[in-house]
PDB file of N, CA and C in Angstrom:
ATOM      1  N   MET A   1      24.496  -1.897   0.554  1.00  0.00           N
ATOM      2  CA  MET A   1      23.098  -1.940  -0.314  1.00  0.00           C
ATOM      3  C   MET A   1      22.332  -1.207   0.087  1.00  0.00           C
ATOM      4  N   ALA A   2      22.401   0.153  -1.088  1.00  0.00           N
ATOM      5  CA  ALA A   2      21.270   0.581  -0.985  1.00  0.00           C
ATOM      6  C   ALA A   2      19.274  -0.089  -0.419  1.00  0.00           C
ATOM      7  N   GLU A   3      18.452   0.008   0.199  1.00  0.00           N
ATOM      8  CA  GLU A   3      17.542   0.129   0.780  1.00  0.00           C
ATOM      9  C   GLU A   3      16.087   0.552  -0.313  1.00  0.00           C
ATOM     10  N   LYS A   4      15.169  -0.123  -1.299  1.00  0.00           N
ATOM     11  CA  LYS A   4      14.758   0.784  -1.394  1.00  0.00           C
ATOM     12  C   LYS A   4      13.545   0.901  -1.617  1.00  0.00           C
ATOM     13  N   THR A   5      12.734   3.022  -1.070  1.00  0.00           N
ATOM     14  CA  THR A   5      12.038   2.926  -0.735  1.00  0.00           C
ATOM     15  C   THR A   5      10.795   2.910  -2.073  1.00  0.00           C
ATOM     16  N   TYR A   6       9.741   3.490  -1.351  1.00  0.00           N
ATOM     17  CA  TYR A   6       9.093   3.616  -1.976  1.00  0.00           C
ATOM     18  C   TYR A   6       7.404   4.997  -1.667  1.00  0.00           C
ATOM     19  N   GLU A   7       7.341   6.289  -1.982  1.00  0.00           N
ATOM     20  CA  GLU A   7       5.944   7.074  -1.450  1.00  0.00           C
ATOM     21  C   GLU A   7       4.956   6.501  -1.335  1.00  0.00           C
ATOM     22  N   LEU A   8       3.875   6.727  -0.230  1.00  0.00           N
ATOM     23  CA  LEU A   8       2.605   6.748  -1.139  1.00  0.00           C
ATOM     24  C   LEU A   8       2.049   7.577   0.308  1.00  0.00           C
ATOM     25  N   GLN A   9       0.923   8.279   0.322  1.00  0.00           N
ATOM     26  CA  GLN A   9       0.666   9.163   0.873  1.00  0.00           C
ATOM     27  C   GLN A   9       1.499  10.082   2.310  1.00  0.00           C
ATOM     28  N   GLY A  10       3.132  10.387   1.592  1.00  0.00           N
ATOM     29  CA  GLY A  10       3.487  10.904   2.153  1.00  0.00           C
ATOM     30  C   GLY A  10       4.609  10.260   3.775  1.00  0.00           C
ATOM     31  N   TYR A  11       4.295   8.831   2.966  1.00  0.00           N
ATOM     32  CA  TYR A  11       5.055   7.511   4.052  1.00  0.00           C
ATOM     33  C   TYR A  11       5.770   7.152   2.792  1.00  0.00           C
ATOM     34  N   ALA A  12       7.285   6.692   3.440  1.00  0.00           N
ATOM     35  CA  ALA A  12       8.059   6.359   2.827  1.00  0.00           C
ATOM     36  C   ALA A  12       7.519   5.020   3.627  1.00  0.00           C
ATOM     37  N   ILE A  13       7.751   3.757   2.026  1.00  0.00           N
ATOM     38  CA  ILE A  13       7.538   2.259   2.638  1.00  0.00           C
ATOM     39  C   ILE A  13       9.177   2.043   2.448  1.00  0.00           C
ATOM     40  N   VAL A  14       9.444   1.152   3.363  1.00  0.00           N
ATOM     41  CA  VAL A  14      11.141   0.742   2.894  1.00  0.00           C
ATOM     42  C   VAL A  14      10.327  -0.887   2.110  1.00  0.00           C
ATOM     43  N   LEU A  15      11.006  -0.760   0.829  1.00  0.00           N
ATOM     44  CA  LEU A  15      10.148  -2.423   0.417  1.00  0.00           C
ATOM     45  C   LEU A  15      10.019  -3.479   0.690  1.00  0.00           C
ATOM     46  N   ASP A  16      11.737  -3.641   0.910  1.00  0.00           N
ATOM     47  CA  ASP A  16      11.786  -5.329   1.692  1.00  0.00           C
ATOM     48  C   ASP A  16      11.201  -5.058   2.872  1.00  0.00           C
ATOM     49  N   LYS A  17      10.652  -5.147   3.159  1.00  0.00           N
ATOM     50  CA  LYS A  17       9.740  -4.847   5.134  1.00  0.00           C
ATOM     51  C   LYS A  17       8.183  -4.890   4.899  1.00  0.00           C
ATOM     52  N   ILE A  18       7.979  -5.159   3.826  1.00  0.00           N
ATOM     53  CA  ILE A  18       6.408  -5.665   3.159  1.00  0.00           C
ATOM     54  C   ILE A  18       6.210  -6.849   3.729  1.00  0.00           C
ATOM     55  N   VAL A  19       5.439  -7.636   4.717  1.00  0.00           N
ATOM     56  CA  VAL A  19       5.380  -8.856   4.637  1.00  0.00           C
ATOM     57  C   VAL A  19       3.653  -9.484   3.733  1.00  0.00           C
ATOM     58  N   PHE A  20       2.416  -8.350   3.387  1.00  0.00           N
ATOM     59  CA  PHE A  20       1.452  -8.572   2.814  1.00  0.00           C
ATOM     60  C   PHE A  20       0.850  -7.597   2.162  1.00  0.00           C
ATOM     61  N   ILE A  21      -0.272  -7.562   0.821  1.00  0.00           N
ATOM     62  CA  ILE A  21      -1.154  -6.574   0.750  1.00  0.00           C
ATOM     63  C   ILE A  21      -2.166  -7.047   0.520  1.00  0.00           C
ATOM     64  N   THR A  22      -2.633  -6.679   1.003  1.00  0.00           N
ATOM     65  CA  THR A  22      -4.528  -6.770   0.698  1.00  0.00           C
ATOM     66  C   THR A  22      -4.761  -6.115  -0.692  1.00  0.00           C
ATOM     67  N   ARG A  23      -6.219  -6.957  -0.654  1.00  0.00           N
ATOM     68  CA  ARG A  23      -7.103  -6.510  -2.216  1.00  0.00           C
ATOM     69  C   ARG A  23      -7.628  -4.867  -1.833  1.00  0.00           C
ATOM     70  N   VAL A  24      -8.046  -4.683  -3.130  1.00  0.00           N
ATOM     71  CA  VAL A  24      -8.737  -3.332  -2.739  1.00  0.00           C
ATOM     72  C   VAL A  24     -10.169  -3.565  -2.048  1.00  0.00           C
ATOM     73  N   PHE A  25     -10.210  -2.655  -1.468  1.00  0.00           N
ATOM     74  CA  PHE A  25     -12.290  -2.903  -0.722  1.00  0.00           C
ATOM     75  C   PHE A  25     -12.689  -1.767  -0.148  1.00  0.00           C
ATOM     76  N   GLU A  26     -13.909  -1.521   0.168  1.00  0.00           N
ATOM     77  CA  GLU A  26     -14.926  -0.438   0.311  1.00  0.00           C
ATOM     78  C   GLU A  26     -14.046  -0.011   1.961  1.00  0.00           C
ATOM     79  N   ALA A  27     -13.747   1.167   2.459  1.00  0.00           N
ATOM     80  CA  ALA A  27     -13.685   1.449   3.070  1.00  0.00           C
ATOM     81  C   ALA A  27     -15.132   1.132   4.415  1.00  0.00           C
ATOM     82  N   GLU A  28     -14.714   1.530   5.996  1.00  0.00           N
ATOM     83  CA  GLU A  28     -15.561   1.851   6.816  1.00  0.00           C
ATOM     84  C   GLU A  28     -16.115   2.903   5.960  1.00  0.00           C
ATOM     85  N   ASP A  29     -17.597   2.724   6.160  1.00  0.00           N
ATOM     86  CA  ASP A  29     -18.547   4.386   6.455  1.00  0.00           C
ATOM     87  C   ASP A  29     -18.578   5.485   5.531  1.00  0.00           C
ATOM     88  N   GLY A  30     -18.177   4.695   4.425  1.00  0.00           N
ATOM     89  CA  GLY A  30     -18.172   5.481   2.615  1.00  0.00           C
ATOM     90  C   GLY A  30     -16.846   6.138   2.647  1.00  0.00           C
ATOM     91  N   GLU A  31     -15.907   6.259   3.029  1.00  0.00           N
ATOM     92  CA  GLU A  31     -14.867   6.584   3.583  1.00  0.00           C
ATOM     93  C   GLU A  31     -13.818   6.621   2.317  1.00  0.00           C
ATOM     94  N   GLY A  32     -14.506   5.828   0.886  1.00  0.00           N
ATOM     95  CA  GLY A  32     -13.997   5.949   0.390  1.00  0.00           C
ATOM     96  C   GLY A  32     -13.104   4.012  -0.297  1.00  0.00           C
ATOM     97  N   PHE A  33     -12.198   3.898  -0.775  1.00  0.00           N
ATOM     98  CA  PHE A  33     -11.775   2.950  -1.003  1.00  0.00           C
ATOM     99  C   PHE A  33     -10.036   2.655  -0.291  1.00  0.00           C
ATOM    100  N   GLN A  34      -9.974   1.619   0.164  1.00  0.00           N
ATOM    101  CA  GLN A  34      -8.404   1.150   0.878  1.00  0.00           C
ATOM    102  C   GLN A  34      -7.849  -0.278   0.407  1.00  0.00           C
ATOM    103  N   PHE A  35      -6.247  -0.277   0.605  1.00  0.00           N
ATOM    104  CA  PHE A  35      -5.759  -1.673   0.833  1.00  0.00           C
ATOM    105  C   PHE A  35      -4.722  -1.380   1.820  1.00  0.00           C
ATOM    106  N   ASN A  36      -5.009  -2.767   2.874  1.00  0.00           N
ATOM    107  CA  ASN A  36      -3.756  -2.743   3.476  1.00  0.00           C
ATOM    108  C   ASN A  36      -2.271  -3.367   3.218  1.00  0.00           C
ATOM    109  N   ILE A  37      -1.446  -2.683   4.474  1.00  0.00           N
ATOM    110  CA  ILE A  37      -0.330  -2.691   4.065  1.00  0.00           C
ATOM    111  C   ILE A  37       0.041  -3.752   4.934  1.00  0.00           C
ATOM    112  N   ARG A  38       0.562  -5.099   5.491  1.00  0.00           N
ATOM    113  CA  ARG A  38       1.225  -5.352   6.238  1.00  0.00           C
ATOM    114  C   ARG A  38       2.548  -5.332   6.994  1.00  0.00           C
ATOM    115  N   PHE A  39       3.542  -4.902   7.511  1.00  0.00           N
ATOM    116  CA  PHE A  39       4.730  -5.005   8.003  1.00  0.00           C
ATOM    117  C   PHE A  39       5.125  -5.946   8.629  1.00  0.00           C
ATOM    118  N   GLY A  40       6.746  -6.659   8.621  1.00  0.00           N
ATOM    119  CA  GLY A  40       6.941  -7.120   9.675  1.00  0.00           C
ATOM    120  C   GLY A  40       6.505  -6.833  10.828  1.00  0.00           C
ATOM    121  N   GLY A  41       6.629  -7.500  12.327  1.00  0.00           N
ATOM    122  CA  GLY A  41       6.216  -7.171  13.520  1.00  0.00           C
ATOM    123  C   GLY A  41       5.417  -6.845  14.130  1.00  0.00           C
ATOM    124  N   ASP A  42       3.795  -7.155  12.491  1.00  0.00           N
ATOM    125  CA  ASP A  42       2.560  -6.862  12.586  1.00  0.00           C
ATOM    126  C   ASP A  42       1.904  -5.031  12.653  1.00  0.00           C
ATOM    127  N   LEU A  43       3.073  -4.426  12.482  1.00  0.00           N
ATOM    128  CA  LEU A  43       2.767  -2.910  11.902  1.00  0.00           C
ATOM    129  C   LEU A  43       1.784  -3.352  10.321  1.00  0.00           C
ATOM    130  N   ARG A  44       0.781  -2.494  10.821  1.00  0.00           N
ATOM    131  CA  ARG A  44      -0.010  -2.148   9.593  1.00  0.00           C
ATOM    132  C   ARG A  44      -0.003  -0.173   9.021  1.00  0.00           C
ATOM    133  N   LEU A  45      -0.163  -0.297   7.276  1.00  0.00           N
ATOM    134  CA  LEU A  45      -1.350   1.329   7.501  1.00  0.00           C
ATOM    135  C   LEU A  45      -1.839   0.455   5.875  1.00  0.00           C
ATOM    136  N   ALA A  46      -2.759   1.970   6.246  1.00  0.00           N
ATOM    137  CA  ALA A  46      -4.715   1.293   5.584  1.00  0.00           C
ATOM    138  C   ALA A  46      -4.646   2.478   4.542  1.00  0.00           C
ATOM    139  N   PRO A  47      -3.436   3.022   3.716  1.00  0.00           N
ATOM    140  CA  PRO A  47      -4.392   3.926   3.198  1.00  0.00           C
ATOM    141  C   PRO A  47      -5.457   3.930   2.104  1.00  0.00           C
ATOM    142  N   ARG A  48      -6.212   5.351   2.190  1.00  0.00           N
ATOM    143  CA  ARG A  48      -7.252   5.669   1.569  1.00  0.00           C
ATOM    144  C   ARG A  48      -7.560   6.520   0.277  1.00  0.00           C
ATOM    145  N   PHE A  49      -8.160   6.036  -0.504  1.00  0.00           N
ATOM    146  CA  PHE A  49      -8.473   6.355  -1.568  1.00  0.00           C
ATOM    147  C   PHE A  49      -9.654   7.126  -1.805  1.00  0.00           C
ATOM    148  N   PRO A  50     -10.148   8.432  -2.675  1.00  0.00           N
ATOM    149  CA  PRO A  50     -11.421   9.000  -3.066  1.00  0.00           C
ATOM    150  C   PRO A  50     -12.632   7.658  -3.162  1.00  0.00           C
ATOM    151  N   THR A  51     -11.543   7.149  -4.569  1.00  0.00           N
ATOM    152  CA  THR A  51     -12.580   6.422  -5.876  1.00  0.00           C
ATOM    153  C   THR A  51     -11.645   5.095  -5.481  1.00  0.00           C
ATOM    154  N   ARG A  52     -12.153   3.728  -6.268  1.00  0.00           N
ATOM    155  CA  ARG A  52     -12.213   2.851  -6.382  1.00  0.00           C
ATOM    156  C   ARG A  52     -10.819   3.027  -7.497  1.00  0.00           C
ATOM    157  N   PRO A  53     -10.801   3.618  -8.804  1.00  0.00           N
ATOM    158  CA  PRO A  53      -9.310   2.938  -9.829  1.00  0.00           C
ATOM    159  C   PRO A  53      -8.759   4.132  -8.921  1.00  0.00           C
ATOM    160  N   GLU A  54      -8.528   5.099  -8.433  1.00  0.00           N
ATOM    161  CA  GLU A  54      -7.225   5.858  -7.963  1.00  0.00           C
ATOM    162  C   GLU A  54      -6.312   4.434  -6.873  1.00  0.00           C
ATOM    163  N   ALA A  55      -7.691   3.975  -6.472  1.00  0.00           N
ATOM    164  CA  ALA A  55      -6.518   2.597  -4.776  1.00  0.00           C
ATOM    165  C   ALA A  55      -6.754   1.616  -5.950  1.00  0.00           C
ATOM    166  N   ASP A  56      -7.415   1.135  -7.350  1.00  0.00           N
ATOM    167  CA  ASP A  56      -6.544  -0.001  -7.617  1.00  0.00           C
ATOM    168  C   ASP A  56      -5.060   0.364  -8.457  1.00  0.00           C
ATOM    169  N   LEU A  57      -5.149   1.398  -8.634  1.00  0.00           N
ATOM    170  CA  LEU A  57      -3.439   1.639  -9.509  1.00  0.00           C
ATOM    171  C   LEU A  57      -2.077   2.215  -8.417  1.00  0.00           C
ATOM    172  N   LYS A  58      -3.173   2.396  -7.357  1.00  0.00           N
ATOM    173  CA  LYS A  58      -1.867   2.868  -6.145  1.00  0.00           C
ATOM    174  C   LYS A  58      -1.226   1.896  -5.845  1.00  0.00           C
ATOM    175  N   ARG A  59      -1.855   0.408  -5.641  1.00  0.00           N
ATOM    176  CA  ARG A  59      -1.669  -1.183  -5.233  1.00  0.00           C
ATOM    177  C   ARG A  59      -1.118  -1.420  -6.551  1.00  0.00           C
ATOM    178  N   SER A  60      -1.504  -1.125  -7.351  1.00  0.00           N
ATOM    179  CA  SER A  60      -0.635  -2.293  -8.848  1.00  0.00           C
ATOM    180  C   SER A  60       0.267  -1.097  -8.508  1.00  0.00           C
ATOM    181  N   LEU A  61       0.793  -0.298  -8.388  1.00  0.00           N
ATOM    182  CA  LEU A  61       2.132   0.096  -9.143  1.00  0.00           C
ATOM    183  C   LEU A  61       2.749  -0.141  -7.576  1.00  0.00           C
ATOM    184  N   LEU A  62       2.483   0.100  -6.221  1.00  0.00           N
ATOM    185  CA  LEU A  62       3.087  -0.299  -5.471  1.00  0.00           C
ATOM    186  C   LEU A  62       3.563  -1.872  -5.420  1.00  0.00           C
ATOM    187  N   LEU A  63       2.727  -2.994  -6.309  1.00  0.00           N
ATOM    188  CA  LEU A  63       2.523  -4.531  -6.613  1.00  0.00           C
ATOM    189  C   LEU A  63       4.513  -4.083  -8.027  1.00  0.00           C
ATOM    190  N   LYS A  64       3.906  -3.423  -7.809  1.00  0.00           N
ATOM    191  CA  LYS A  64       5.248  -3.350  -9.822  1.00  0.00           C
ATOM    192  C   LYS A  64       6.589  -2.874  -8.853  1.00  0.00           C
ATOM    193  N   ALA A  65       6.433  -2.041  -7.996  1.00  0.00           N
ATOM    194  CA  ALA A  65       8.213  -1.393  -6.798  1.00  0.00           C
ATOM    195  C   ALA A  65       7.989  -2.768  -6.424  1.00  0.00           C
ATOM    196  N   LEU A  66       7.545  -3.355  -6.058  1.00  0.00           N
ATOM    197  CA  LEU A  66       7.977  -4.535  -4.519  1.00  0.00           C
ATOM    198  C   LEU A  66       8.587  -5.776  -6.279  1.00  0.00           C
ATOM    199  N   ASN A  67       7.776  -5.643  -7.078  1.00  0.00           N
ATOM    200  CA  ASN A  67       8.194  -6.793  -7.907  1.00  0.00           C
ATOM    201  C   ASN A  67       9.645  -6.842  -8.822  1.00  0.00           C
ATOM    202  N   GLU A  68      10.484  -5.128  -9.209  1.00  0.00           N
ATOM    203  CA  GLU A  68      11.094  -4.880  -9.750  1.00  0.00           C
ATOM    204  C   GLU A  68      12.712  -4.726  -8.342  1.00  0.00           C
ATOM    205  N   ALA A  69      12.135  -4.554  -7.477  1.00  0.00           N
ATOM    206  CA  ALA A  69      13.088  -4.346  -5.871  1.00  0.00           C
ATOM    207  C   ALA A  69      13.655  -5.728  -5.753  1.00  0.00           C
TER     208      ALA A  69
END
């Protein structure tokens, strides 16, 4: 069975390896907005976006892909 993947900011994310996704929050030093994706083995990805609506949309689409996987 093929593993489902999701592309986000040039990263191919294997959906069944995701353990936790945080809420959207403001990044340090006014660098936009981000949410964290935590994988097994304490690996973390922290994609950043220029606006909160864009970060909310990307997070929502990732959650939708997880629910469909």
